[in-house]
Amino acid sequence: MECGFITHMDVGKSRLSKEYPSRNLPIAIEANVYLGARAIVLMGCCLHSDSIVAAGALVTKDVPQATIVAGIPAQVKTKL
């Protein structure tokens, strides 16, 4: 299975560089986190302990502890 982790953004030398400056941020994954197949986690997000990210989800912000997130963008579906 595969998952994606996007930790930096760089549009190079284009007109977009003013609106989207280069940046990089770490991703934090705490203990007992489950990532479903083909989930994608964007830069700066923290997956807190005991959380579950559904298959194919796009994580754009922190995932609270002991929750299940799913969707594009990922949203909390239930607390465990």
Protein backbone atom coordinates (compact mmCIF):
# COMPACT_ATOMS: atom_id res chain seq x y z
CA MET A 1 0.00 0.00 0.00
CA GLU A 2 1.12 3.54 -0.53
CA CYS A 3 0.50 6.89 1.16
CA GLY A 4 1.72 10.34 0.21
CA PHE A 5 3.46 12.89 2.41
CA ILE A 6 3.90 16.37 0.94
CA THR A 7 6.40 18.38 3.00
CA HIS A 8 7.35 21.22 0.65
CA MET A 9 5.99 23.41 -2.10
CA ASP A 10 7.98 25.20 -4.79
CA VAL A 11 6.46 26.58 -7.98
CA GLY A 12 9.86 27.59 -9.29
CA LYS A 13 10.45 30.75 -11.29
CA SER A 14 6.94 31.51 -12.45
CA ARG A 15 4.27 34.15 -12.01
CA LEU A 16 2.78 32.03 -9.23
CA SER A 17 5.84 32.42 -6.99
CA LYS A 18 4.50 35.70 -5.54
CA GLU A 19 1.18 34.13 -4.52
CA TYR A 20 2.69 30.78 -3.54
CA PRO A 21 6.15 31.33 -2.06
CA SER A 22 8.36 28.32 -1.48
CA ARG A 23 7.86 26.74 1.93
CA ASN A 24 8.46 23.51 3.76
CA LEU A 25 6.96 22.22 7.00
CA PRO A 26 7.33 18.92 8.85
CA ILE A 27 4.59 16.34 9.30
CA ALA A 28 4.18 14.85 12.78
CA ILE A 29 2.77 11.35 13.28
CA GLU A 30 2.20 10.29 16.87
CA ALA A 31 1.79 6.75 18.29
CA ASN A 32 -0.90 4.30 17.12
CA VAL A 33 -1.94 6.17 13.96
CA TYR A 34 -3.45 4.17 11.10
CA LEU A 35 -3.19 5.48 7.53
CA GLY A 36 -5.46 3.92 4.93
CA ALA A 37 -4.22 3.16 1.42
CA ARG A 38 -3.45 6.17 -0.76
CA ALA A 39 -4.09 8.70 2.00
CA ILE A 40 -2.24 11.97 1.47
CA VAL A 41 -0.95 14.18 4.29
CA LEU A 42 0.01 17.78 3.52
CA MET A 43 2.80 19.81 5.10
CA GLY A 44 2.45 21.11 8.63
CA CYS A 45 -0.16 18.56 9.73
CA CYS A 46 -0.02 16.54 12.93
CA LEU A 47 -1.71 13.16 13.17
CA HIS A 48 -2.36 12.83 16.89
CA SER A 49 -2.26 9.50 18.71
CA ASP A 50 -4.89 6.81 18.24
CA SER A 51 -6.32 8.42 15.10
CA ILE A 52 -7.37 6.76 11.86
CA VAL A 53 -7.10 8.31 8.40
CA ALA A 54 -9.39 6.61 5.88
CA ALA A 55 -8.19 5.31 2.53
CA GLY A 56 -7.91 8.05 -0.07
CA ALA A 57 -8.31 10.90 2.43
CA LEU A 58 -6.54 14.22 1.91
CA VAL A 59 -5.35 15.56 5.27
CA THR A 60 -5.02 19.36 5.14
CA LYS A 61 -5.04 20.14 8.89
CA ASP A 62 -4.28 18.46 12.21
CA VAL A 63 -6.15 15.25 13.05
CA PRO A 64 -7.39 15.28 16.67
CA GLN A 65 -6.52 12.47 19.06
CA ALA A 66 -8.70 9.33 18.91
CA THR A 67 -10.76 10.30 15.85
CA ILE A 68 -11.51 8.89 12.43
CA VAL A 69 -11.15 11.26 9.47
CA ALA A 70 -12.16 10.69 5.87
CA GLY A 71 -12.80 12.59 2.66
CA ILE A 72 -11.28 15.29 0.49
CA PRO A 73 -10.44 17.33 2.47
CA ALA A 74 -10.39 15.01 5.46
CA GLN A 75 -13.08 15.76 8.05
CA VAL A 76 -13.76 14.18 11.43
CA LYS A 77 -16.34 11.42 11.00
CA THR A 78 -16.38 10.05 14.53
CA LYS A 79 -14.54 10.13 17.85
CA LEU A 80 -13.22 6.86 19.24
